[in-house]
Every structure is written in C-alpha cells, then in structure tokens.
Amino acid sequence: GHTCLTALRGERLGSREHRINDSKGCGGVMRVAPIALVDDLDIEAAFDLACDAAALTHTHPTGWLAAGAFVWMRVRIREGAAIDEAVRDALG
C-alpha cells in the first residue's frame, strides 16, 4: 500500500519510539500474521515482534498495537483458545 511504500522510501524506518507518520492502516497488521506460527516465540515475544514489525511503516500506536493484538489472538487460537476467549485475552 501507499503508506508502506512511502515509509520504506523514507530516510529512516519507523519504530514504536520514532514516529514517521500517523498511519494506523492495515498494512502492518497484514504483514505480521506469520509471526504467530513461530514455535520458538512465547506469546509476549510474538506480540513485541509484531508491534515492532508493524511500526516499521505504521507508527501511530493504534497501528502497531493492532498488529500485536492480532498476533496475540492468533497464538491463543493456535494454543486451542476459542476466538472470543482469545479476543478477551488480547484486550487484557
């Protein structure tokens, strides 16, 4: 998407600490889905990695937090949680 391409063309990538835009679009969330499939990551590490990966291009906190929450829910579902339980857990 436009936000991803613009961010990648910039002088510096974004991070949770270094905002390069106010984007909270879906590009960051779409990119992180495979993180939930990595066996060597505990749920907190998966959340942090997803937040960091999304923040490379989408630096509004809502943008990268949504990516972390998405991966948190996917990990919980992979562990056997029902969707509604995974959502409540991620919101907590």
C-alpha atoms as a PDB file:
ATOM      1  CA  GLY A   1       0.000   0.000   0.000  1.00  0.00           C
ATOM      2  CA  HIS A   2       0.854   3.660  -0.248  1.00  0.00           C
ATOM      3  CA  THR A   3       1.821   4.015   3.419  1.00  0.00           C
ATOM      4  CA  CYS A   4       4.180   1.028   3.302  1.00  0.00           C
ATOM      5  CA  LEU A   5       5.897   2.223   0.130  1.00  0.00           C
ATOM      6  CA  THR A   6       6.220   5.794   1.380  1.00  0.00           C
ATOM      7  CA  ALA A   7       7.680   4.619   4.693  1.00  0.00           C
ATOM      8  CA  LEU A   8      10.145   2.276   3.004  1.00  0.00           C
ATOM      9  CA  ARG A   9      11.328   5.073   0.701  1.00  0.00           C
ATOM     10  CA  GLY A  10      11.947   7.427   3.619  1.00  0.00           C
ATOM     11  CA  GLU A  11      15.262   8.305   5.160  1.00  0.00           C
ATOM     12  CA  ARG A  12      14.600   6.150   8.229  1.00  0.00           C
ATOM     13  CA  LEU A  13      12.159   3.379   9.064  1.00  0.00           C
ATOM     14  CA  GLY A  14       9.673   3.910  11.823  1.00  0.00           C
ATOM     15  CA  SER A  15       9.637   2.307  15.232  1.00  0.00           C
ATOM     16  CA  ARG A  16       7.499   2.438  18.330  1.00  0.00           C
ATOM     17  CA  GLU A  17       9.731   5.220  19.619  1.00  0.00           C
ATOM     18  CA  HIS A  18      10.328   7.041  16.303  1.00  0.00           C
ATOM     19  CA  ARG A  19       7.128   8.083  14.573  1.00  0.00           C
ATOM     20  CA  ILE A  20       7.345   8.741  10.852  1.00  0.00           C
ATOM     21  CA  ASN A  21       3.607   9.042  10.212  1.00  0.00           C
ATOM     22  CA  ASP A  22       0.196   8.811  11.843  1.00  0.00           C
ATOM     23  CA  SER A  23      -0.845   5.726   9.929  1.00  0.00           C
ATOM     24  CA  LYS A  24      -2.987   3.112  11.613  1.00  0.00           C
ATOM     25  CA  GLY A  25      -3.877   1.266   8.427  1.00  0.00           C
ATOM     26  CA  CYS A  26      -3.984  -2.452   7.780  1.00  0.00           C
ATOM     27  CA  GLY A  27      -0.577  -2.877   6.094  1.00  0.00           C
ATOM     28  CA  GLY A  28       1.226  -3.505   9.360  1.00  0.00           C
ATOM     29  CA  VAL A  29      -1.379  -5.996  10.543  1.00  0.00           C
ATOM     30  CA  MET A  30      -1.353  -7.972   7.290  1.00  0.00           C
ATOM     31  CA  ARG A  31       2.396  -8.333   7.395  1.00  0.00           C
ATOM     32  CA  VAL A  32       2.618  -9.900  10.863  1.00  0.00           C
ATOM     33  CA  ALA A  33       0.273 -12.911  10.602  1.00  0.00           C
ATOM     34  CA  PRO A  34       3.103 -15.478  10.133  1.00  0.00           C
ATOM     35  CA  ILE A  35       4.709 -14.437  13.425  1.00  0.00           C
ATOM     36  CA  ALA A  36       2.019 -16.394  15.282  1.00  0.00           C
ATOM     37  CA  LEU A  37       3.310 -19.587  13.652  1.00  0.00           C
ATOM     38  CA  VAL A  38       6.861 -19.347  15.033  1.00  0.00           C
ATOM     39  CA  ASP A  39       7.235 -22.102  17.621  1.00  0.00           C
ATOM     40  CA  ASP A  40      10.254 -20.572  19.388  1.00  0.00           C
ATOM     41  CA  LEU A  41       8.433 -17.396  20.481  1.00  0.00           C
ATOM     42  CA  ASP A  42       6.372 -17.126  23.613  1.00  0.00           C
ATOM     43  CA  ILE A  43       3.233 -15.018  23.352  1.00  0.00           C
ATOM     44  CA  GLU A  44       4.825 -11.863  24.756  1.00  0.00           C
ATOM     45  CA  ALA A  45       7.783 -12.104  22.361  1.00  0.00           C
ATOM     46  CA  ALA A  46       5.396 -12.691  19.452  1.00  0.00           C
ATOM     47  CA  PHE A  47       3.398  -9.609  20.492  1.00  0.00           C
ATOM     48  CA  ASP A  48       6.546  -7.455  20.710  1.00  0.00           C
ATOM     49  CA  LEU A  49       7.879  -8.681  17.370  1.00  0.00           C
ATOM     50  CA  ALA A  50       4.534  -7.961  15.697  1.00  0.00           C
ATOM     51  CA  CYS A  51       4.406  -4.459  17.179  1.00  0.00           C
ATOM     52  CA  ASP A  52       7.959  -3.754  16.031  1.00  0.00           C
ATOM     53  CA  ALA A  53       7.352  -5.126  12.533  1.00  0.00           C
ATOM     54  CA  ALA A  54       4.201  -3.056  12.042  1.00  0.00           C
ATOM     55  CA  ALA A  55       5.856   0.080  13.422  1.00  0.00           C
ATOM     56  CA  LEU A  56       8.426  -0.013  10.626  1.00  0.00           C
ATOM     57  CA  THR A  57       5.764   1.552   8.392  1.00  0.00           C
ATOM     58  CA  HIS A  58       2.725   2.336  10.583  1.00  0.00           C
ATOM     59  CA  THR A  59       3.798   4.383  13.586  1.00  0.00           C
ATOM     60  CA  HIS A  60       0.533   5.513  15.097  1.00  0.00           C
ATOM     61  CA  PRO A  61       0.217   3.450  18.317  1.00  0.00           C
ATOM     62  CA  THR A  62      -3.129   2.098  17.158  1.00  0.00           C
ATOM     63  CA  GLY A  63      -1.435   0.753  14.018  1.00  0.00           C
ATOM     64  CA  TRP A  64       1.255  -1.259  15.747  1.00  0.00           C
ATOM     65  CA  LEU A  65      -0.836  -2.244  18.784  1.00  0.00           C
ATOM     66  CA  ALA A  66      -3.453  -3.731  16.453  1.00  0.00           C
ATOM     67  CA  ALA A  67      -0.734  -5.856  14.869  1.00  0.00           C
ATOM     68  CA  GLY A  68       0.447  -7.072  18.268  1.00  0.00           C
ATOM     69  CA  ALA A  69      -3.106  -7.861  19.369  1.00  0.00           C
ATOM     70  CA  PHE A  70      -3.774  -9.747  16.129  1.00  0.00           C
ATOM     71  CA  VAL A  71      -0.731 -11.961  16.660  1.00  0.00           C
ATOM     72  CA  TRP A  72      -1.632 -12.429  20.340  1.00  0.00           C
ATOM     73  CA  MET A  73      -5.085 -13.703  19.301  1.00  0.00           C
ATOM     74  CA  ARG A  74      -3.633 -15.968  16.609  1.00  0.00           C
ATOM     75  CA  VAL A  75      -1.192 -17.514  19.114  1.00  0.00           C
ATOM     76  CA  ARG A  76      -4.000 -18.103  21.626  1.00  0.00           C
ATOM     77  CA  ILE A  77      -6.190 -19.716  18.944  1.00  0.00           C
ATOM     78  CA  ARG A  78      -3.258 -21.880  17.883  1.00  0.00           C
ATOM     79  CA  GLU A  79      -2.958 -22.952  21.532  1.00  0.00           C
ATOM     80  CA  GLY A  80      -6.609 -24.054  21.470  1.00  0.00           C
ATOM     81  CA  ALA A  81      -8.477 -20.999  22.774  1.00  0.00           C
ATOM     82  CA  ALA A  82     -11.860 -20.121  21.312  1.00  0.00           C
ATOM     83  CA  ILE A  83     -11.976 -16.905  19.306  1.00  0.00           C
ATOM     84  CA  ASP A  84     -13.932 -14.971  21.934  1.00  0.00           C
ATOM     85  CA  GLU A  85     -11.503 -16.111  24.636  1.00  0.00           C
ATOM     86  CA  ALA A  86      -8.524 -15.083  22.505  1.00  0.00           C
ATOM     87  CA  VAL A  87     -10.065 -11.646  21.932  1.00  0.00           C
ATOM     88  CA  ARG A  88     -10.716 -11.100  25.653  1.00  0.00           C
ATOM     89  CA  ASP A  89      -7.179 -12.239  26.449  1.00  0.00           C
ATOM     90  CA  ALA A  90      -5.653  -9.854  23.909  1.00  0.00           C
ATOM     91  CA  LEU A  91      -7.699  -6.945  25.202  1.00  0.00           C
ATOM     92  CA  GLY A  92      -6.469  -7.677  28.721  1.00  0.00           C
END
